[in-house]
């Protein structure tokens, strides 16, 4: 850089600003310095620059998946969210460091963020770590989480309108004449609890009681969810519809019912939650409450950068939409969005 400054007849600081495309340097001067640098085969050592600025230009993305469960980062929702985050961070000239371990995990060798190798942390999901994430965010501040947005949060959480989505799904089932609706999902998880609240509200508004024997727990992993769905065959015909807390659980329920000779949607209508692409290509195609994962990834990154710039990074709840397909008797050729 010293040699380029001598050749251009400017100071080293001017060279540094010009190569950073700073508006403090006139465009003609910037262009002249860039040409000299190019001719000299000069490139900026980004690692050295970041070290000098006290930045890593890296964000740690953590998937706090429950130990002892079969749910993987390969889950379609996680894959879609990781793609959205990676694209958005790349557009902002940030790298991604991905991990499944949590900073409070005693068996973890070290946290990239705490070790100075990342500027901030994005948690994708809260699971049963909601309190841990809250405490970590209180201590470290540069933290954003995807999950259940509520007034209890005192840190930045971005998530879908789970209550509205749960209500939307249940109202649709009621609208097509279903009255005995199973809720299938793990209500101990914050987002699923909100979807259950929406389900319960819709039933109450329609004058229907929640039947506790029709509220069943099911994990996200499709094989485990299929085993958890097996009792449905024994309950039929006490129910005529299912609201599943995720698309993977919905697909598992369809498979379990089919094994028991129960048809979807002729006998049982089913609505899932997430809007994974595979839902449009199964038989029957899956009615679902779609989360805008692409927008979610963009908002998570925007909130993270707001916090890095000294802002508050207020929580934000994102809208969802109902996509009606054949698992509720909807059109086979096109999705019907409401």
C-alpha atoms as a PDB file:
ATOM      1  CA  UNK A   1       0.000   0.000   0.000  1.00  0.00           C
ATOM      2  CA  UNK A   2       2.939   2.299   0.718  1.00  0.00           C
ATOM      3  CA  UNK A   3       4.306   1.656  -2.801  1.00  0.00           C
ATOM      4  CA  UNK A   4       0.894   2.354  -4.402  1.00  0.00           C
ATOM      5  CA  UNK A   5       0.652   5.607  -2.419  1.00  0.00           C
ATOM      6  CA  UNK A   6       4.114   6.649  -3.708  1.00  0.00           C
ATOM      7  CA  UNK A   7       3.172   5.784  -7.312  1.00  0.00           C
ATOM      8  CA  UNK A   8      -0.151   7.639  -7.072  1.00  0.00           C
ATOM      9  CA  UNK A   9       1.327  10.619  -5.247  1.00  0.00           C
ATOM     10  CA  UNK A  10      -1.158  10.342  -2.358  1.00  0.00           C
ATOM     11  CA  UNK A  11      -1.083   9.256   1.269  1.00  0.00           C
ATOM     12  CA  UNK A  12      -1.518   5.647   2.416  1.00  0.00           C
ATOM     13  CA  UNK A  13      -4.770   6.602   4.121  1.00  0.00           C
ATOM     14  CA  UNK A  14      -6.090   7.883   0.770  1.00  0.00           C
ATOM     15  CA  UNK A  15      -5.132   4.570  -0.855  1.00  0.00           C
ATOM     16  CA  UNK A  16      -6.925   2.678   1.921  1.00  0.00           C
ATOM     17  CA  UNK A  17     -10.064   4.778   1.508  1.00  0.00           C
ATOM     18  CA  UNK A  18      -9.977   4.506  -2.279  1.00  0.00           C
ATOM     19  CA  UNK A  19      -9.693   0.717  -2.208  1.00  0.00           C
ATOM     20  CA  UNK A  20     -12.627   0.650   0.251  1.00  0.00           C
ATOM     21  CA  UNK A  21     -14.606   2.750  -2.246  1.00  0.00           C
ATOM     22  CA  UNK A  22     -14.962   5.570   0.272  1.00  0.00           C
ATOM     23  CA  UNK A  23     -16.882   8.645  -0.958  1.00  0.00           C
ATOM     24  CA  UNK A  24     -14.306  10.760   0.894  1.00  0.00           C
ATOM     25  CA  UNK A  25     -11.996  10.211  -2.092  1.00  0.00           C
ATOM     26  CA  UNK A  26     -12.928  11.769  -5.431  1.00  0.00           C
ATOM     27  CA  UNK A  27     -14.108   9.266  -8.033  1.00  0.00           C
ATOM     28  CA  UNK A  28     -11.308  10.143 -10.481  1.00  0.00           C
ATOM     29  CA  UNK A  29      -8.695   9.594  -7.761  1.00  0.00           C
ATOM     30  CA  UNK A  30     -10.325   6.320  -6.705  1.00  0.00           C
ATOM     31  CA  UNK A  31     -10.298   5.051 -10.267  1.00  0.00           C
ATOM     32  CA  UNK A  32      -6.621   6.039 -10.759  1.00  0.00           C
ATOM     33  CA  UNK A  33      -5.606   4.276  -7.534  1.00  0.00           C
ATOM     34  CA  UNK A  34      -7.612   1.159  -8.448  1.00  0.00           C
ATOM     35  CA  UNK A  35      -5.851   0.962 -11.824  1.00  0.00           C
ATOM     36  CA  UNK A  36      -2.426   1.294 -10.190  1.00  0.00           C
ATOM     37  CA  UNK A  37      -3.342  -1.392  -7.630  1.00  0.00           C
ATOM     38  CA  UNK A  38      -4.589  -3.690 -10.376  1.00  0.00           C
ATOM     39  CA  UNK A  39      -1.428  -3.213 -12.424  1.00  0.00           C
ATOM     40  CA  UNK A  40       0.646  -3.981  -9.339  1.00  0.00           C
ATOM     41  CA  UNK A  41      -1.424  -7.149  -8.683  1.00  0.00           C
ATOM     42  CA  UNK A  42      -2.376  -5.765  -5.268  1.00  0.00           C
ATOM     43  CA  UNK A  43      -5.209  -7.254  -3.204  1.00  0.00           C
ATOM     44  CA  UNK A  44      -6.473  -6.307   0.233  1.00  0.00           C
ATOM     45  CA  UNK A  45      -5.725  -8.782   3.024  1.00  0.00           C
ATOM     46  CA  UNK A  46      -9.276  -8.927   4.321  1.00  0.00           C
ATOM     47  CA  UNK A  47      -8.334 -10.857   7.449  1.00  0.00           C
ATOM     48  CA  UNK A  48      -5.770  -8.223   8.400  1.00  0.00           C
ATOM     49  CA  UNK A  49      -8.240  -5.434   7.656  1.00  0.00           C
ATOM     50  CA  UNK A  50     -10.937  -7.076   9.792  1.00  0.00           C
ATOM     51  CA  UNK A  51      -8.433  -7.556  12.617  1.00  0.00           C
ATOM     52  CA  UNK A  52      -7.495  -3.882  12.473  1.00  0.00           C
ATOM     53  CA  UNK A  53     -11.171  -2.892  12.528  1.00  0.00           C
ATOM     54  CA  UNK A  54     -12.005  -5.315  15.341  1.00  0.00           C
ATOM     55  CA  UNK A  55     -14.408  -7.219  13.066  1.00  0.00           C
ATOM     56  CA  UNK A  56     -14.578 -10.723  11.669  1.00  0.00           C
ATOM     57  CA  UNK A  57     -17.269 -10.056   9.018  1.00  0.00           C
ATOM     58  CA  UNK A  58     -18.655 -13.441  10.081  1.00  0.00           C
ATOM     59  CA  UNK A  59     -21.975 -14.321  11.724  1.00  0.00           C
ATOM     60  CA  UNK A  60     -22.348 -17.549  13.679  1.00  0.00           C
ATOM     61  CA  UNK A  61     -25.599 -19.368  12.856  1.00  0.00           C
ATOM     62  CA  UNK A  62     -26.642 -21.870  15.526  1.00  0.00           C
ATOM     63  CA  UNK A  63     -29.331 -24.536  15.163  1.00  0.00           C
ATOM     64  CA  UNK A  64     -30.080 -25.458  18.812  1.00  0.00           C
ATOM     65  CA  UNK A  65     -31.381 -28.942  17.972  1.00  0.00           C
ATOM     66  CA  UNK A  66     -32.424 -31.061  20.927  1.00  0.00           C
ATOM     67  CA  UNK A  67     -29.802 -33.640  21.956  1.00  0.00           C
ATOM     68  CA  UNK A  68     -31.102 -37.192  21.753  1.00  0.00           C
ATOM     69  CA  UNK A  69     -33.617 -36.391  18.989  1.00  0.00           C
ATOM     70  CA  UNK A  70     -33.462 -37.413  15.347  1.00  0.00           C
ATOM     71  CA  UNK A  71     -34.194 -33.945  13.987  1.00  0.00           C
ATOM     72  CA  UNK A  72     -31.315 -32.814  11.770  1.00  0.00           C
ATOM     73  CA  UNK A  73     -30.087 -29.647  10.094  1.00  0.00           C
ATOM     74  CA  UNK A  74     -31.157 -31.463   6.899  1.00  0.00           C
ATOM     75  CA  UNK A  75     -34.802 -30.857   7.908  1.00  0.00           C
ATOM     76  CA  UNK A  76     -36.340 -29.011   4.898  1.00  0.00           C
ATOM     77  CA  UNK A  77     -37.248 -25.948   6.964  1.00  0.00           C
ATOM     78  CA  UNK A  78     -33.698 -25.629   8.300  1.00  0.00           C
ATOM     79  CA  UNK A  79     -32.233 -26.082   4.806  1.00  0.00           C
ATOM     80  CA  UNK A  80     -34.467 -23.326   3.403  1.00  0.00           C
ATOM     81  CA  UNK A  81     -33.656 -20.978   6.293  1.00  0.00           C
ATOM     82  CA  UNK A  82     -29.905 -21.616   6.017  1.00  0.00           C
ATOM     83  CA  UNK A  83     -30.045 -20.851   2.288  1.00  0.00           C
ATOM     84  CA  UNK A  84     -31.921 -17.604   2.965  1.00  0.00           C
ATOM     85  CA  UNK A  85     -29.459 -16.531   5.670  1.00  0.00           C
ATOM     86  CA  UNK A  86     -26.383 -17.438   3.599  1.00  0.00           C
ATOM     87  CA  UNK A  87     -27.625 -15.515   0.569  1.00  0.00           C
ATOM     88  CA  UNK A  88     -28.555 -12.436   2.595  1.00  0.00           C
ATOM     89  CA  UNK A  89     -25.285 -12.384   4.559  1.00  0.00           C
ATOM     90  CA  UNK A  90     -23.282 -12.827   1.346  1.00  0.00           C
ATOM     91  CA  UNK A  91     -25.122  -9.840  -0.129  1.00  0.00           C
ATOM     92  CA  UNK A  92     -23.943  -7.853   2.916  1.00  0.00           C
ATOM     93  CA  UNK A  93     -20.343  -9.142   2.530  1.00  0.00           C
ATOM     94  CA  UNK A  94     -20.514 -11.407   5.588  1.00  0.00           C
ATOM     95  CA  UNK A  95     -19.450 -15.035   5.944  1.00  0.00           C
ATOM     96  CA  UNK A  96     -21.424 -17.720   7.801  1.00  0.00           C
ATOM     97  CA  UNK A  97     -20.124 -20.057  10.488  1.00  0.00           C
ATOM     98  CA  UNK A  98     -22.631 -22.884  11.070  1.00  0.00           C
ATOM     99  CA  UNK A  99     -22.916 -25.000  14.207  1.00  0.00           C
ATOM    100  CA  UNK A 100     -25.409 -27.220  16.051  1.00  0.00           C
ATOM    101  CA  UNK A 101     -23.792 -26.767  19.471  1.00  0.00           C
ATOM    102  CA  UNK A 102     -24.938 -24.049  21.855  1.00  0.00           C
ATOM    103  CA  UNK A 103     -22.630 -21.630  23.728  1.00  0.00           C
ATOM    104  CA  UNK A 104     -23.777 -23.040  27.082  1.00  0.00           C
ATOM    105  CA  UNK A 105     -22.956 -26.625  26.055  1.00  0.00           C
ATOM    106  CA  UNK A 106     -20.319 -27.855  28.518  1.00  0.00           C
ATOM    107  CA  UNK A 107     -19.057 -30.386  25.967  1.00  0.00           C
ATOM    108  CA  UNK A 108     -18.425 -27.748  23.319  1.00  0.00           C
ATOM    109  CA  UNK A 109     -14.756 -26.811  22.759  1.00  0.00           C
ATOM    110  CA  UNK A 110     -15.485 -23.124  22.270  1.00  0.00           C
ATOM    111  CA  UNK A 111     -17.973 -20.610  20.926  1.00  0.00           C
ATOM    112  CA  UNK A 112     -16.882 -18.815  17.745  1.00  0.00           C
ATOM    113  CA  UNK A 113     -18.664 -15.641  18.803  1.00  0.00           C
ATOM    114  CA  UNK A 114     -17.264 -15.652  22.345  1.00  0.00           C
ATOM    115  CA  UNK A 115     -13.834 -16.467  20.898  1.00  0.00           C
ATOM    116  CA  UNK A 116     -13.929 -13.406  18.646  1.00  0.00           C
ATOM    117  CA  UNK A 117     -14.307 -15.390  15.394  1.00  0.00           C
ATOM    118  CA  UNK A 118     -17.833 -14.039  14.766  1.00  0.00           C
ATOM    119  CA  UNK A 119     -19.408 -10.625  15.213  1.00  0.00           C
ATOM    120  CA  UNK A 120     -22.815 -11.927  16.297  1.00  0.00           C
ATOM    121  CA  UNK A 121     -25.048 -14.977  16.685  1.00  0.00           C
ATOM    122  CA  UNK A 122     -28.289 -15.931  14.945  1.00  0.00           C
ATOM    123  CA  UNK A 123     -30.214 -18.777  16.592  1.00  0.00           C
ATOM    124  CA  UNK A 124     -32.535 -20.614  14.191  1.00  0.00           C
ATOM    125  CA  UNK A 125     -35.235 -21.924  16.514  1.00  0.00           C
ATOM    126  CA  UNK A 126     -35.585 -21.839  20.267  1.00  0.00           C
ATOM    127  CA  UNK A 127     -36.588 -25.416  21.076  1.00  0.00           C
ATOM    128  CA  UNK A 128     -36.415 -25.906  24.810  1.00  0.00           C
ATOM    129  CA  UNK A 129     -33.587 -23.361  25.060  1.00  0.00           C
ATOM    130  CA  UNK A 130     -35.783 -20.256  25.174  1.00  0.00           C
ATOM    131  CA  UNK A 131     -34.546 -19.219  28.647  1.00  0.00           C
ATOM    132  CA  UNK A 132     -30.914 -20.048  27.755  1.00  0.00           C
ATOM    133  CA  UNK A 133     -31.092 -17.901  24.610  1.00  0.00           C
ATOM    134  CA  UNK A 134     -32.685 -15.061  26.583  1.00  0.00           C
ATOM    135  CA  UNK A 135     -29.940 -15.163  29.229  1.00  0.00           C
ATOM    136  CA  UNK A 136     -27.218 -15.379  26.584  1.00  0.00           C
ATOM    137  CA  UNK A 137     -28.708 -12.401  24.720  1.00  0.00           C
ATOM    138  CA  UNK A 138     -28.880 -10.370  27.938  1.00  0.00           C
ATOM    139  CA  UNK A 139     -25.189 -11.030  28.559  1.00  0.00           C
ATOM    140  CA  UNK A 140     -23.892 -10.672  24.999  1.00  0.00           C
ATOM    141  CA  UNK A 141     -26.451  -8.408  23.242  1.00  0.00           C
ATOM    142  CA  UNK A 142     -25.322  -9.204  19.682  1.00  0.00           C
ATOM    143  CA  UNK A 143     -27.895 -11.976  19.407  1.00  0.00           C
ATOM    144  CA  UNK A 144     -30.984 -12.528  17.231  1.00  0.00           C
ATOM    145  CA  UNK A 145     -33.277 -15.567  17.344  1.00  0.00           C
ATOM    146  CA  UNK A 146     -35.885 -17.091  15.066  1.00  0.00           C
ATOM    147  CA  UNK A 147     -38.811 -18.316  17.125  1.00  0.00           C
ATOM    148  CA  UNK A 148     -41.956 -17.405  18.983  1.00  0.00           C
ATOM    149  CA  UNK A 149     -42.433 -13.638  19.157  1.00  0.00           C
ATOM    150  CA  UNK A 150     -44.122 -12.615  22.421  1.00  0.00           C
ATOM    151  CA  UNK A 151     -44.198  -9.844  24.989  1.00  0.00           C
ATOM    152  CA  UNK A 152     -42.033 -12.012  27.250  1.00  0.00           C
ATOM    153  CA  UNK A 153     -39.038 -11.502  24.979  1.00  0.00           C
ATOM    154  CA  UNK A 154     -36.557  -8.826  26.051  1.00  0.00           C
ATOM    155  CA  UNK A 155     -34.196  -9.573  23.152  1.00  0.00           C
ATOM    156  CA  UNK A 156     -34.652  -9.580  19.383  1.00  0.00           C
ATOM    157  CA  UNK A 157     -36.819 -12.442  18.123  1.00  0.00           C
ATOM    158  CA  UNK A 158     -38.077 -12.746  14.549  1.00  0.00           C
ATOM    159  CA  UNK A 159     -40.780 -15.262  13.762  1.00  0.00           C
ATOM    160  CA  UNK A 160     -43.989 -16.041  11.940  1.00  0.00           C
ATOM    161  CA  UNK A 161     -47.506 -15.276  13.146  1.00  0.00           C
ATOM    162  CA  UNK A 162     -47.912 -18.730  14.675  1.00  0.00           C
ATOM    163  CA  UNK A 163     -51.130 -17.915  16.506  1.00  0.00           C
ATOM    164  CA  UNK A 164     -52.700 -16.407  13.393  1.00  0.00           C
ATOM    165  CA  UNK A 165     -51.492 -19.338  11.302  1.00  0.00           C
ATOM    166  CA  UNK A 166     -52.912 -21.905  13.715  1.00  0.00           C
ATOM    167  CA  UNK A 167     -56.215 -20.097  13.718  1.00  0.00           C
ATOM    168  CA  UNK A 168     -56.190 -19.799   9.915  1.00  0.00           C
ATOM    169  CA  UNK A 169     -55.594 -23.544   9.461  1.00  0.00           C
ATOM    170  CA  UNK A 170     -58.324 -24.547  11.915  1.00  0.00           C
ATOM    171  CA  UNK A 171     -60.832 -22.054  10.529  1.00  0.00           C
ATOM    172  CA  UNK A 172     -60.306 -23.504   7.057  1.00  0.00           C
ATOM    173  CA  UNK A 173     -61.028 -27.027   8.320  1.00  0.00           C
ATOM    174  CA  UNK A 174     -64.167 -25.762  10.049  1.00  0.00           C
ATOM    175  CA  UNK A 175     -65.198 -23.907   6.903  1.00  0.00           C
ATOM    176  CA  UNK A 176     -65.153 -27.116   4.823  1.00  0.00           C
ATOM    177  CA  UNK A 177     -67.379 -28.845   7.372  1.00  0.00           C
ATOM    178  CA  UNK A 178     -64.887 -30.619   9.643  1.00  0.00           C
ATOM    179  CA  UNK A 179     -65.760 -30.528  13.336  1.00  0.00           C
ATOM    180  CA  UNK A 180     -63.566 -33.049  15.189  1.00  0.00           C
ATOM    181  CA  UNK A 181     -60.050 -31.745  14.548  1.00  0.00           C
ATOM    182  CA  UNK A 182     -56.894 -33.359  15.900  1.00  0.00           C
ATOM    183  CA  UNK A 183     -53.973 -31.143  16.931  1.00  0.00           C
ATOM    184  CA  UNK A 184     -50.689 -32.944  16.281  1.00  0.00           C
ATOM    185  CA  UNK A 185     -47.467 -31.409  17.643  1.00  0.00           C
ATOM    186  CA  UNK A 186     -45.235 -30.871  20.680  1.00  0.00           C
ATOM    187  CA  UNK A 187     -46.838 -28.061  22.694  1.00  0.00           C
ATOM    188  CA  UNK A 188     -43.797 -27.805  24.996  1.00  0.00           C
ATOM    189  CA  UNK A 189     -42.002 -25.950  22.179  1.00  0.00           C
ATOM    190  CA  UNK A 190     -42.732 -22.178  22.052  1.00  0.00           C
ATOM    191  CA  UNK A 191     -43.710 -21.919  18.373  1.00  0.00           C
ATOM    192  CA  UNK A 192     -45.886 -25.048  18.532  1.00  0.00           C
ATOM    193  CA  UNK A 193     -47.574 -23.760  21.681  1.00  0.00           C
ATOM    194  CA  UNK A 194     -48.555 -20.621  19.778  1.00  0.00           C
ATOM    195  CA  UNK A 195     -49.950 -22.685  16.875  1.00  0.00           C
ATOM    196  CA  UNK A 196     -51.980 -24.663  19.409  1.00  0.00           C
ATOM    197  CA  UNK A 197     -53.312 -21.375  20.846  1.00  0.00           C
ATOM    198  CA  UNK A 198     -54.533 -20.429  17.372  1.00  0.00           C
ATOM    199  CA  UNK A 199     -56.189 -23.841  16.992  1.00  0.00           C
ATOM    200  CA  UNK A 200     -57.896 -23.484  20.366  1.00  0.00           C
ATOM    201  CA  UNK A 201     -59.108 -19.934  19.586  1.00  0.00           C
ATOM    202  CA  UNK A 202     -60.636 -20.987  16.262  1.00  0.00           C
ATOM    203  CA  UNK A 203     -62.508 -23.873  17.877  1.00  0.00           C
ATOM    204  CA  UNK A 204     -63.798 -21.609  20.659  1.00  0.00           C
ATOM    205  CA  UNK A 205     -64.999 -18.998  18.146  1.00  0.00           C
ATOM    206  CA  UNK A 206     -66.926 -21.740  16.326  1.00  0.00           C
ATOM    207  CA  UNK A 207     -68.514 -22.997  19.541  1.00  0.00           C
ATOM    208  CA  UNK A 208     -66.464 -26.224  19.526  1.00  0.00           C
ATOM    209  CA  UNK A 209     -64.702 -27.629  22.571  1.00  0.00           C
ATOM    210  CA  UNK A 210     -61.077 -28.771  22.556  1.00  0.00           C
ATOM    211  CA  UNK A 211     -61.164 -32.542  22.990  1.00  0.00           C
ATOM    212  CA  UNK A 212     -58.108 -33.506  24.983  1.00  0.00           C
ATOM    213  CA  UNK A 213     -58.001 -37.009  23.488  1.00  0.00           C
ATOM    214  CA  UNK A 214     -57.583 -35.351  20.073  1.00  0.00           C
ATOM    215  CA  UNK A 215     -54.515 -33.337  21.160  1.00  0.00           C
ATOM    216  CA  UNK A 216     -51.494 -35.543  20.484  1.00  0.00           C
ATOM    217  CA  UNK A 217     -47.764 -34.911  20.795  1.00  0.00           C
ATOM    218  CA  UNK A 218     -45.480 -35.518  17.812  1.00  0.00           C
ATOM    219  CA  UNK A 219     -41.829 -34.589  17.152  1.00  0.00           C
ATOM    220  CA  UNK A 220     -40.505 -32.936  13.978  1.00  0.00           C
ATOM    221  CA  UNK A 221     -38.526 -35.939  12.718  1.00  0.00           C
ATOM    222  CA  UNK A 222     -40.681 -37.670  10.104  1.00  0.00           C
ATOM    223  CA  UNK A 223     -39.945 -41.241  11.246  1.00  0.00           C
ATOM    224  CA  UNK A 224     -40.607 -40.418  14.888  1.00  0.00           C
ATOM    225  CA  UNK A 225     -43.701 -38.441  13.870  1.00  0.00           C
ATOM    226  CA  UNK A 226     -44.955 -41.430  11.899  1.00  0.00           C
ATOM    227  CA  UNK A 227     -44.695 -43.630  14.972  1.00  0.00           C
ATOM    228  CA  UNK A 228     -46.419 -40.924  17.052  1.00  0.00           C
ATOM    229  CA  UNK A 229     -49.212 -40.774  14.447  1.00  0.00           C
ATOM    230  CA  UNK A 230     -49.949 -44.509  14.583  1.00  0.00           C
ATOM    231  CA  UNK A 231     -52.552 -44.149  17.401  1.00  0.00           C
ATOM    232  CA  UNK A 232     -54.658 -41.999  15.049  1.00  0.00           C
ATOM    233  CA  UNK A 233     -55.891 -45.139  13.300  1.00  0.00           C
ATOM    234  CA  UNK A 234     -57.297 -46.414  16.581  1.00  0.00           C
ATOM    235  CA  UNK A 235     -59.057 -43.109  17.260  1.00  0.00           C
ATOM    236  CA  UNK A 236     -60.785 -42.940  13.868  1.00  0.00           C
ATOM    237  CA  UNK A 237     -63.690 -42.171  13.254  1.00  0.00           C
ATOM    238  CA  UNK A 238     -63.699 -39.905  16.338  1.00  0.00           C
ATOM    239  CA  UNK A 239     -62.025 -37.232  14.190  1.00  0.00           C
ATOM    240  CA  UNK A 240     -62.405 -35.974  10.629  1.00  0.00           C
ATOM    241  CA  UNK A 241     -59.458 -33.571  10.315  1.00  0.00           C
ATOM    242  CA  UNK A 242     -55.902 -32.929  11.524  1.00  0.00           C
ATOM    243  CA  UNK A 243     -54.003 -29.713  12.030  1.00  0.00           C
ATOM    244  CA  UNK A 244     -50.344 -30.746  12.148  1.00  0.00           C
ATOM    245  CA  UNK A 245     -47.849 -28.321  13.676  1.00  0.00           C
ATOM    246  CA  UNK A 246     -45.399 -28.831  10.780  1.00  0.00           C
ATOM    247  CA  UNK A 247     -45.478 -30.158   7.234  1.00  0.00           C
ATOM    248  CA  UNK A 248     -43.185 -33.051   8.162  1.00  0.00           C
ATOM    249  CA  UNK A 249     -45.628 -34.117  10.877  1.00  0.00           C
ATOM    250  CA  UNK A 250     -48.521 -33.761   8.415  1.00  0.00           C
ATOM    251  CA  UNK A 251     -46.777 -35.985   5.859  1.00  0.00           C
ATOM    252  CA  UNK A 252     -46.098 -38.563   8.575  1.00  0.00           C
ATOM    253  CA  UNK A 253     -49.776 -38.513   9.581  1.00  0.00           C
ATOM    254  CA  UNK A 254     -50.924 -39.033   5.973  1.00  0.00           C
ATOM    255  CA  UNK A 255     -48.626 -42.059   5.692  1.00  0.00           C
ATOM    256  CA  UNK A 256     -49.780 -43.524   9.028  1.00  0.00           C
ATOM    257  CA  UNK A 257     -53.458 -43.110   8.093  1.00  0.00           C
ATOM    258  CA  UNK A 258     -52.890 -44.666   4.671  1.00  0.00           C
ATOM    259  CA  UNK A 259     -51.362 -47.743   6.325  1.00  0.00           C
ATOM    260  CA  UNK A 260     -54.542 -48.004   8.408  1.00  0.00           C
ATOM    261  CA  UNK A 261     -56.789 -47.793   5.353  1.00  0.00           C
ATOM    262  CA  UNK A 262     -57.909 -44.216   6.099  1.00  0.00           C
ATOM    263  CA  UNK A 263     -58.000 -41.876   3.094  1.00  0.00           C
ATOM    264  CA  UNK A 264     -56.888 -38.246   2.855  1.00  0.00           C
ATOM    265  CA  UNK A 265     -58.947 -36.165   2.151  1.00  0.00           C
ATOM    266  CA  UNK A 266     -62.012 -38.435   1.709  1.00  0.00           C
ATOM    267  CA  UNK A 267     -62.009 -39.526   5.373  1.00  0.00           C
ATOM    268  CA  UNK A 268     -59.680 -37.012   7.009  1.00  0.00           C
ATOM    269  CA  UNK A 269     -58.632 -33.531   5.833  1.00  0.00           C
ATOM    270  CA  UNK A 270     -55.115 -32.426   6.835  1.00  0.00           C
ATOM    271  CA  UNK A 271     -53.366 -29.051   7.107  1.00  0.00           C
ATOM    272  CA  UNK A 272     -49.657 -28.665   7.839  1.00  0.00           C
ATOM    273  CA  UNK A 273     -47.478 -25.681   8.741  1.00  0.00           C
ATOM    274  CA  UNK A 274     -44.270 -24.375   7.102  1.00  0.00           C
ATOM    275  CA  UNK A 275     -44.869 -24.520   3.356  1.00  0.00           C
ATOM    276  CA  UNK A 276     -41.932 -26.767   2.428  1.00  0.00           C
ATOM    277  CA  UNK A 277     -41.642 -27.230  -1.377  1.00  0.00           C
ATOM    278  CA  UNK A 278     -42.091 -31.019  -1.128  1.00  0.00           C
ATOM    279  CA  UNK A 279     -45.639 -30.494   0.118  1.00  0.00           C
ATOM    280  CA  UNK A 280     -46.766 -29.515  -3.375  1.00  0.00           C
ATOM    281  CA  UNK A 281     -45.479 -32.768  -4.909  1.00  0.00           C
ATOM    282  CA  UNK A 282     -46.746 -35.501  -2.563  1.00  0.00           C
ATOM    283  CA  UNK A 283     -50.030 -37.398  -3.055  1.00  0.00           C
ATOM    284  CA  UNK A 284     -52.291 -35.860  -1.970  1.00  0.00           C
ATOM    285  CA  UNK A 285     -50.603 -32.474  -2.194  1.00  0.00           C
ATOM    286  CA  UNK A 286     -50.501 -30.824   1.204  1.00  0.00           C
ATOM    287  CA  UNK A 287     -52.584 -27.892   2.360  1.00  0.00           C
ATOM    288  CA  UNK A 288     -50.308 -25.774   4.522  1.00  0.00           C
ATOM    289  CA  UNK A 289     -49.752 -22.508   6.340  1.00  0.00           C
ATOM    290  CA  UNK A 290     -46.719 -21.096   4.554  1.00  0.00           C
ATOM    291  CA  UNK A 291     -43.994 -19.227   6.386  1.00  0.00           C
ATOM    292  CA  UNK A 292     -42.019 -16.779   4.255  1.00  0.00           C
ATOM    293  CA  UNK A 293     -38.608 -18.260   5.021  1.00  0.00           C
ATOM    294  CA  UNK A 294     -36.807 -16.091   2.480  1.00  0.00           C
ATOM    295  CA  UNK A 295     -38.168 -12.939   4.089  1.00  0.00           C
ATOM    296  CA  UNK A 296     -37.455 -14.389   7.530  1.00  0.00           C
ATOM    297  CA  UNK A 297     -33.771 -14.856   6.693  1.00  0.00           C
ATOM    298  CA  UNK A 298     -33.574 -11.321   5.332  1.00  0.00           C
ATOM    299  CA  UNK A 299     -35.163  -9.823   8.457  1.00  0.00           C
ATOM    300  CA  UNK A 300     -32.911 -11.848  10.784  1.00  0.00           C
ATOM    301  CA  UNK A 301     -29.827 -10.469   9.021  1.00  0.00           C
ATOM    302  CA  UNK A 302     -31.198  -6.920   8.975  1.00  0.00           C
ATOM    303  CA  UNK A 303     -31.879  -7.076  12.724  1.00  0.00           C
ATOM    304  CA  UNK A 304     -28.409  -8.506  13.362  1.00  0.00           C
ATOM    305  CA  UNK A 305     -26.742  -5.660  11.472  1.00  0.00           C
ATOM    306  CA  UNK A 306     -28.927  -3.090  13.255  1.00  0.00           C
ATOM    307  CA  UNK A 307     -27.638  -4.433  16.583  1.00  0.00           C
ATOM    308  CA  UNK A 308     -24.031  -4.416  15.347  1.00  0.00           C
ATOM    309  CA  UNK A 309     -24.538  -0.750  14.415  1.00  0.00           C
ATOM    310  CA  UNK A 310     -25.688   0.032  17.955  1.00  0.00           C
ATOM    311  CA  UNK A 311     -29.441  -0.212  17.382  1.00  0.00           C
ATOM    312  CA  UNK A 312     -32.034  -2.059  19.462  1.00  0.00           C
ATOM    313  CA  UNK A 313     -33.082  -4.628  16.868  1.00  0.00           C
ATOM    314  CA  UNK A 314     -36.761  -4.762  17.871  1.00  0.00           C
ATOM    315  CA  UNK A 315     -38.584  -8.087  17.529  1.00  0.00           C
ATOM    316  CA  UNK A 316     -40.745  -8.607  14.446  1.00  0.00           C
ATOM    317  CA  UNK A 317     -43.649 -10.938  13.642  1.00  0.00           C
ATOM    318  CA  UNK A 318     -44.055 -11.926   9.976  1.00  0.00           C
ATOM    319  CA  UNK A 319     -47.336 -12.744   8.205  1.00  0.00           C
ATOM    320  CA  UNK A 320     -48.249 -16.233   6.978  1.00  0.00           C
ATOM    321  CA  UNK A 321     -50.584 -17.462   4.241  1.00  0.00           C
ATOM    322  CA  UNK A 322     -52.850 -20.471   3.806  1.00  0.00           C
ATOM    323  CA  UNK A 323     -52.194 -22.549   0.676  1.00  0.00           C
ATOM    324  CA  UNK A 324     -55.086 -24.907  -0.074  1.00  0.00           C
ATOM    325  CA  UNK A 325     -54.247 -28.143  -1.875  1.00  0.00           C
ATOM    326  CA  UNK A 326     -55.719 -31.633  -2.248  1.00  0.00           C
ATOM    327  CA  UNK A 327     -55.233 -32.829   1.356  1.00  0.00           C
ATOM    328  CA  UNK A 328     -58.277 -30.680   2.121  1.00  0.00           C
ATOM    329  CA  UNK A 329     -60.006 -31.335  -1.207  1.00  0.00           C
ATOM    330  CA  UNK A 330     -58.493 -28.251  -2.847  1.00  0.00           C
ATOM    331  CA  UNK A 331     -57.553 -27.841  -6.516  1.00  0.00           C
ATOM    332  CA  UNK A 332     -55.071 -30.285  -7.991  1.00  0.00           C
ATOM    333  CA  UNK A 333     -53.565 -27.969 -10.615  1.00  0.00           C
ATOM    334  CA  UNK A 334     -52.976 -24.745  -8.710  1.00  0.00           C
ATOM    335  CA  UNK A 335     -52.528 -23.607  -5.145  1.00  0.00           C
ATOM    336  CA  UNK A 336     -55.348 -21.559  -3.687  1.00  0.00           C
ATOM    337  CA  UNK A 337     -53.961 -18.834  -1.437  1.00  0.00           C
ATOM    338  CA  UNK A 338     -56.112 -17.139   1.196  1.00  0.00           C
END
